[in-house]
Structures are given as structure tokens and as C-alpha cells.
Amino acid sequence: MRRRTNTAAGVILLAVYWYFVIQLTGGTPTNFIIIRDFARTINLSLIPFHDIAEVLTTNDVVGSVIQIVGNLVMFVPLGVLVPLFWSGWRSPSRTIGLGLCMSLFIEVNQLFTYRATSVDDLILNTLGAAVGWLCFLLVARLFGVDTRAGKWLEKLPIVILFAVWMCCIALELPTFLAY
């Protein structure tokens, strides 16, 4: 019974976390069809560390810290929650790889939501997932974490992340259809 309660808590925490990440990063691409001049709306940066260097050279110190630390910290919960509640995701490569894939998902999504897409965000988000995994490792070593879980639970984090994204689209659908 305890394992089921832990899994339910993990599902709820991961779903709430992902909902807020989606809302914070620009929502969902339901307004893609509304975009008139798609080619002119793309803001794409593919040069690694270019945006970070640009942000660091501005006079806006607070904005720079928010930009860099925010992208890093945003994925720390993913790096902690997924291996904490699902033992199949406890290896660093799986957890950090999930962080990379989810960050890539967000960056591609931002192509369609009038937001900037940057390889630097991808790097910082993935690094945040790695920091989260290290935090999980520290907690697991200090307090001991039960590593038993059923095989079916291993796919649950991806299902939750996709389901929450689809719910966000459904919530925006009335606004989308009004256009």
C-alpha cells in the first residue's frame, strides 16, 4: 500500500510541476495556425553559449541572474522527482536524458508560440536535470530510498508529461477556436 501511495504522490507532483513548466515556458502551440508570418516570428539561436555570454554582458544584473539561474533551476525538480518515485529512472543517463528530451520538447514548442528557441536554454535545462539527479543521489544516500518498483511504472513519467501537455492544449482550445 505504501508503494502505491508514493507512486500517486509522484504522479501528482510530476503533473503539477510539468503543468507549471509548460505555462512558464510559453504554453502550447495551439495558436500555430493563427501565426501569419511564421518565418519572421522565429527567434532561433543555435550557437552554444552565445545567449549566455550576451546576457552576462548586459547591465541588467538581476535579469541576467534570472535568465541563467531560472533556466538551470527550472529542471532541478524533474531531476529529483523522476528517480525519487520511479526506480527505473535512477541512472544518471536516463534522468538527464529525460531532462534533455523534455527541454528539447519545450524549445521546439517555443518555435510555435512566439518565444525564443536557444541551444543555451537546452544546455542549462539539461544541466538543471543533472543537478536535480545529484540532489536525488544525496537524499537517497542520506535517508535511504526503496528501489523496488514494478516494470510498468518505468514508462509512467513520460506518460504523465505527455498527458499534462495534452491537458494544457485542451484548456487553451476554446481560446484557439474563437479565432
C-alpha atoms as a PDB file:
ATOM      1  CA  MET A   1       0.000   0.000   0.000  1.00  0.00           C
ATOM      2  CA  ARG A   2       2.858   2.400   0.777  1.00  0.00           C
ATOM      3  CA  ARG A   3       4.385   1.988  -2.706  1.00  0.00           C
ATOM      4  CA  ARG A   4       1.042   2.844  -4.341  1.00  0.00           C
ATOM      5  CA  THR A   5       0.746   5.976  -2.166  1.00  0.00           C
ATOM      6  CA  ASN A   6       4.294   7.011  -3.098  1.00  0.00           C
ATOM      7  CA  THR A   7       3.549   6.478  -6.787  1.00  0.00           C
ATOM      8  CA  ALA A   8       0.340   8.517  -6.535  1.00  0.00           C
ATOM      9  CA  ALA A   9       2.265  11.315  -4.835  1.00  0.00           C
ATOM     10  CA  GLY A  10       4.885  11.149  -7.590  1.00  0.00           C
ATOM     11  CA  VAL A  11       2.238  11.304 -10.309  1.00  0.00           C
ATOM     12  CA  ILE A  12       0.591  14.335  -8.725  1.00  0.00           C
ATOM     13  CA  LEU A  13       3.863  16.178  -8.069  1.00  0.00           C
ATOM     14  CA  LEU A  14       5.225  15.494 -11.557  1.00  0.00           C
ATOM     15  CA  ALA A  15       1.949  16.529 -13.214  1.00  0.00           C
ATOM     16  CA  VAL A  16       1.718  19.790 -11.254  1.00  0.00           C
ATOM     17  CA  TYR A  17       5.403  20.537 -11.861  1.00  0.00           C
ATOM     18  CA  TRP A  18       5.105  19.913 -15.614  1.00  0.00           C
ATOM     19  CA  TYR A  19       1.922  21.995 -15.889  1.00  0.00           C
ATOM     20  CA  PHE A  20       3.722  24.999 -14.420  1.00  0.00           C
ATOM     21  CA  VAL A  21       6.786  24.452 -16.625  1.00  0.00           C
ATOM     22  CA  ILE A  22       4.568  24.433 -19.721  1.00  0.00           C
ATOM     23  CA  GLN A  23       2.782  27.599 -18.609  1.00  0.00           C
ATOM     24  CA  LEU A  24       6.060  29.328 -17.697  1.00  0.00           C
ATOM     25  CA  THR A  25       7.731  28.497 -20.999  1.00  0.00           C
ATOM     26  CA  GLY A  26       5.004  29.753 -23.272  1.00  0.00           C
ATOM     27  CA  GLY A  27       2.135  27.322 -23.176  1.00  0.00           C
ATOM     28  CA  THR A  28       1.208  25.090 -26.060  1.00  0.00           C
ATOM     29  CA  PRO A  29       1.304  25.626 -29.827  1.00  0.00           C
ATOM     30  CA  THR A  30      -2.482  25.846 -30.254  1.00  0.00           C
ATOM     31  CA  ASN A  31      -2.063  29.309 -31.763  1.00  0.00           C
ATOM     32  CA  PHE A  32       0.225  27.986 -34.520  1.00  0.00           C
ATOM     33  CA  ILE A  33      -2.461  28.344 -37.206  1.00  0.00           C
ATOM     34  CA  ILE A  34      -3.039  31.967 -36.170  1.00  0.00           C
ATOM     35  CA  ILE A  35       0.582  32.910 -36.960  1.00  0.00           C
ATOM     36  CA  ARG A  36       0.538  34.936 -40.172  1.00  0.00           C
ATOM     37  CA  ASP A  37       4.222  35.425 -40.956  1.00  0.00           C
ATOM     38  CA  PHE A  38       5.760  32.324 -39.413  1.00  0.00           C
ATOM     39  CA  ALA A  39       9.202  32.828 -40.974  1.00  0.00           C
ATOM     40  CA  ARG A  40       9.504  36.288 -39.419  1.00  0.00           C
ATOM     41  CA  THR A  41       8.428  35.137 -35.959  1.00  0.00           C
ATOM     42  CA  ILE A  42      11.179  32.545 -35.461  1.00  0.00           C
ATOM     43  CA  ASN A  43      13.802  33.561 -32.902  1.00  0.00           C
ATOM     44  CA  LEU A  44      16.370  30.764 -33.064  1.00  0.00           C
ATOM     45  CA  SER A  45      19.853  30.686 -31.519  1.00  0.00           C
ATOM     46  CA  LEU A  46      21.974  27.627 -32.314  1.00  0.00           C
ATOM     47  CA  ILE A  47      25.423  28.879 -31.230  1.00  0.00           C
ATOM     48  CA  PRO A  48      26.297  27.327 -27.845  1.00  0.00           C
ATOM     49  CA  PHE A  49      26.916  29.831 -25.016  1.00  0.00           C
ATOM     50  CA  HIS A  50      26.144  32.834 -27.271  1.00  0.00           C
ATOM     51  CA  ASP A  51      22.999  33.854 -25.399  1.00  0.00           C
ATOM     52  CA  ILE A  52      24.638  33.226 -22.020  1.00  0.00           C
ATOM     53  CA  ALA A  53      27.574  35.479 -22.963  1.00  0.00           C
ATOM     54  CA  GLU A  54      25.167  38.118 -24.266  1.00  0.00           C
ATOM     55  CA  VAL A  55      23.093  38.051 -21.085  1.00  0.00           C
ATOM     56  CA  LEU A  56      26.217  38.298 -18.912  1.00  0.00           C
ATOM     57  CA  THR A  57      27.471  41.383 -20.760  1.00  0.00           C
ATOM     58  CA  THR A  58      24.305  43.426 -20.235  1.00  0.00           C
ATOM     59  CA  ASN A  59      23.960  45.969 -17.455  1.00  0.00           C
ATOM     60  CA  ASP A  60      20.855  44.203 -16.162  1.00  0.00           C
ATOM     61  CA  VAL A  61      22.428  42.008 -13.463  1.00  0.00           C
ATOM     62  CA  VAL A  62      19.097  40.914 -11.992  1.00  0.00           C
ATOM     63  CA  GLY A  63      17.728  39.992 -15.420  1.00  0.00           C
ATOM     64  CA  SER A  64      20.912  38.072 -16.209  1.00  0.00           C
ATOM     65  CA  VAL A  65      20.718  36.070 -12.991  1.00  0.00           C
ATOM     66  CA  ILE A  66      17.027  35.326 -13.536  1.00  0.00           C
ATOM     67  CA  GLN A  67      17.665  34.210 -17.132  1.00  0.00           C
ATOM     68  CA  ILE A  68      20.569  31.874 -16.348  1.00  0.00           C
ATOM     69  CA  VAL A  69      19.629  30.598 -12.893  1.00  0.00           C
ATOM     70  CA  GLY A  70      15.966  30.323 -13.881  1.00  0.00           C
ATOM     71  CA  ASN A  71      16.740  28.016 -16.802  1.00  0.00           C
ATOM     72  CA  LEU A  72      19.008  25.941 -14.585  1.00  0.00           C
ATOM     73  CA  VAL A  73      16.678  25.708 -11.585  1.00  0.00           C
ATOM     74  CA  MET A  74      13.553  25.016 -13.653  1.00  0.00           C
ATOM     75  CA  PHE A  75      14.661  21.429 -14.381  1.00  0.00           C
ATOM     76  CA  VAL A  76      16.062  20.544 -10.939  1.00  0.00           C
ATOM     77  CA  PRO A  77      12.647  19.208  -9.777  1.00  0.00           C
ATOM     78  CA  LEU A  78      12.496  16.874 -12.794  1.00  0.00           C
ATOM     79  CA  GLY A  79      15.939  15.516 -11.893  1.00  0.00           C
ATOM     80  CA  VAL A  80      14.779  14.874  -8.323  1.00  0.00           C
ATOM     81  CA  LEU A  81      11.167  13.715  -8.752  1.00  0.00           C
ATOM     82  CA  VAL A  82      11.552  11.162 -11.523  1.00  0.00           C
ATOM     83  CA  PRO A  83      14.265   8.993  -9.909  1.00  0.00           C
ATOM     84  CA  LEU A  84      12.763   9.503  -6.444  1.00  0.00           C
ATOM     85  CA  PHE A  85       9.404   7.988  -7.367  1.00  0.00           C
ATOM     86  CA  TRP A  86      10.363   5.612 -10.217  1.00  0.00           C
ATOM     87  CA  SER A  87      13.346   3.318  -9.694  1.00  0.00           C
ATOM     88  CA  GLY A  88      13.647   2.576 -13.421  1.00  0.00           C
ATOM     89  CA  TRP A  89      14.795   6.184 -13.874  1.00  0.00           C
ATOM     90  CA  ARG A  90      17.534   6.179 -11.248  1.00  0.00           C
ATOM     91  CA  SER A  91      20.516   6.045 -13.595  1.00  0.00           C
ATOM     92  CA  PRO A  92      22.009   9.448 -14.387  1.00  0.00           C
ATOM     93  CA  SER A  93      21.873   8.821 -18.134  1.00  0.00           C
ATOM     94  CA  ARG A  94      18.125   8.100 -18.080  1.00  0.00           C
ATOM     95  CA  THR A  95      17.207  11.012 -15.824  1.00  0.00           C
ATOM     96  CA  ILE A  96      19.490  13.540 -17.518  1.00  0.00           C
ATOM     97  CA  GLY A  97      18.457  12.173 -20.928  1.00  0.00           C
ATOM     98  CA  LEU A  98      14.806  12.752 -19.991  1.00  0.00           C
ATOM     99  CA  GLY A  99      15.731  16.302 -18.974  1.00  0.00           C
ATOM    100  CA  LEU A 100      17.420  16.825 -22.352  1.00  0.00           C
ATOM    101  CA  CYS A 101      14.419  15.436 -24.254  1.00  0.00           C
ATOM    102  CA  MET A 102      11.887  17.480 -22.276  1.00  0.00           C
ATOM    103  CA  SER A 103      13.977  20.633 -22.729  1.00  0.00           C
ATOM    104  CA  LEU A 104      14.204  19.945 -26.467  1.00  0.00           C
ATOM    105  CA  PHE A 105      10.432  19.449 -26.476  1.00  0.00           C
ATOM    106  CA  ILE A 106       9.984  22.881 -24.865  1.00  0.00           C
ATOM    107  CA  GLU A 107      12.441  24.586 -27.225  1.00  0.00           C
ATOM    108  CA  VAL A 108      10.731  23.131 -30.318  1.00  0.00           C
ATOM    109  CA  ASN A 109       7.350  24.068 -28.831  1.00  0.00           C
ATOM    110  CA  GLN A 110       8.590  27.651 -28.427  1.00  0.00           C
ATOM    111  CA  LEU A 111       9.143  27.887 -32.179  1.00  0.00           C
ATOM    112  CA  PHE A 112       5.347  27.910 -32.489  1.00  0.00           C
ATOM    113  CA  THR A 113       4.489  30.182 -29.554  1.00  0.00           C
ATOM    114  CA  TYR A 114       6.358  33.394 -30.419  1.00  0.00           C
ATOM    115  CA  ARG A 115       9.132  32.583 -27.936  1.00  0.00           C
ATOM    116  CA  ALA A 116      12.904  32.345 -28.391  1.00  0.00           C
ATOM    117  CA  THR A 117      14.450  28.935 -29.014  1.00  0.00           C
ATOM    118  CA  SER A 118      18.029  28.677 -27.806  1.00  0.00           C
ATOM    119  CA  VAL A 119      20.584  25.904 -27.526  1.00  0.00           C
ATOM    120  CA  ASP A 120      21.753  27.661 -24.343  1.00  0.00           C
ATOM    121  CA  ASP A 121      18.356  27.032 -22.735  1.00  0.00           C
ATOM    122  CA  LEU A 122      18.717  23.381 -23.716  1.00  0.00           C
ATOM    123  CA  ILE A 123      22.171  23.246 -22.086  1.00  0.00           C
ATOM    124  CA  LEU A 124      21.039  24.997 -18.893  1.00  0.00           C
ATOM    125  CA  ASN A 125      17.847  22.926 -18.558  1.00  0.00           C
ATOM    126  CA  THR A 126      19.785  19.686 -19.032  1.00  0.00           C
ATOM    127  CA  LEU A 127      22.363  20.842 -16.505  1.00  0.00           C
ATOM    128  CA  GLY A 128      19.463  21.565 -14.133  1.00  0.00           C
ATOM    129  CA  ALA A 129      18.211  17.979 -14.528  1.00  0.00           C
ATOM    130  CA  ALA A 130      21.761  16.784 -13.739  1.00  0.00           C
ATOM    131  CA  VAL A 131      21.868  18.961 -10.611  1.00  0.00           C
ATOM    132  CA  GLY A 132      18.468  17.544  -9.648  1.00  0.00           C
ATOM    133  CA  TRP A 133      19.749  13.996 -10.103  1.00  0.00           C
ATOM    134  CA  LEU A 134      22.739  14.820  -7.867  1.00  0.00           C
ATOM    135  CA  CYS A 135      20.309  16.175  -5.249  1.00  0.00           C
ATOM    136  CA  PHE A 136      18.312  12.944  -5.526  1.00  0.00           C
ATOM    137  CA  LEU A 137      21.522  10.932  -5.103  1.00  0.00           C
ATOM    138  CA  LEU A 138      22.406  12.902  -1.978  1.00  0.00           C
ATOM    139  CA  VAL A 139      18.929  12.409  -0.490  1.00  0.00           C
ATOM    140  CA  ALA A 140      18.938   8.706  -1.408  1.00  0.00           C
ATOM    141  CA  ARG A 141      22.307   8.171   0.273  1.00  0.00           C
ATOM    142  CA  LEU A 142      21.438  10.186   3.386  1.00  0.00           C
ATOM    143  CA  PHE A 143      17.957   8.796   4.011  1.00  0.00           C
ATOM    144  CA  GLY A 144      17.905   5.545   2.044  1.00  0.00           C
ATOM    145  CA  VAL A 145      15.370   5.162  -0.745  1.00  0.00           C
ATOM    146  CA  ASP A 146      13.434   1.988  -1.522  1.00  0.00           C
ATOM    147  CA  THR A 147      14.496   0.990  -5.036  1.00  0.00           C
ATOM    148  CA  ARG A 148      11.754  -1.553  -5.685  1.00  0.00           C
ATOM    149  CA  ALA A 149       9.183  -0.722  -8.362  1.00  0.00           C
ATOM    150  CA  GLY A 150       7.147  -2.626 -10.895  1.00  0.00           C
ATOM    151  CA  LYS A 151       8.220  -2.662 -14.559  1.00  0.00           C
ATOM    152  CA  TRP A 152       5.043  -0.886 -15.678  1.00  0.00           C
ATOM    153  CA  LEU A 153       5.988   2.129 -13.558  1.00  0.00           C
ATOM    154  CA  GLU A 154       9.089   2.791 -15.660  1.00  0.00           C
ATOM    155  CA  LYS A 155       7.078   4.370 -18.503  1.00  0.00           C
ATOM    156  CA  LEU A 156       4.818   6.398 -16.223  1.00  0.00           C
ATOM    157  CA  PRO A 157       6.879   9.646 -16.133  1.00  0.00           C
ATOM    158  CA  ILE A 158       6.741  10.037 -19.927  1.00  0.00           C
ATOM    159  CA  VAL A 159       3.017   9.243 -19.986  1.00  0.00           C
ATOM    160  CA  ILE A 160       2.372  11.864 -17.276  1.00  0.00           C
ATOM    161  CA  LEU A 161       4.418  14.548 -19.041  1.00  0.00           C
ATOM    162  CA  PHE A 162       2.601  13.938 -22.334  1.00  0.00           C
ATOM    163  CA  ALA A 163      -0.828  13.793 -20.662  1.00  0.00           C
ATOM    164  CA  VAL A 164      -0.287  17.105 -18.876  1.00  0.00           C
ATOM    165  CA  TRP A 165       0.817  18.730 -22.136  1.00  0.00           C
ATOM    166  CA  MET A 166      -2.352  17.458 -23.837  1.00  0.00           C
ATOM    167  CA  CYS A 167      -4.456  18.815 -20.940  1.00  0.00           C
ATOM    168  CA  CYS A 168      -2.817  22.224 -21.382  1.00  0.00           C
ATOM    169  CA  ILE A 169      -3.764  22.131 -25.067  1.00  0.00           C
ATOM    170  CA  ALA A 170      -7.329  21.184 -24.149  1.00  0.00           C
ATOM    171  CA  LEU A 171      -7.538  24.104 -21.703  1.00  0.00           C
ATOM    172  CA  GLU A 172      -6.431  26.525 -24.430  1.00  0.00           C
ATOM    173  CA  LEU A 173      -8.702  25.034 -27.103  1.00  0.00           C
ATOM    174  CA  PRO A 174     -11.705  27.352 -26.505  1.00  0.00           C
ATOM    175  CA  THR A 175      -9.459  30.402 -26.993  1.00  0.00           C
ATOM    176  CA  PHE A 176      -7.931  28.828 -30.077  1.00  0.00           C
ATOM    177  CA  LEU A 177     -11.314  28.027 -31.642  1.00  0.00           C
ATOM    178  CA  ALA A 178     -12.542  31.577 -31.009  1.00  0.00           C
ATOM    179  CA  TYR A 179     -10.148  32.904 -33.681  1.00  0.00           C
END
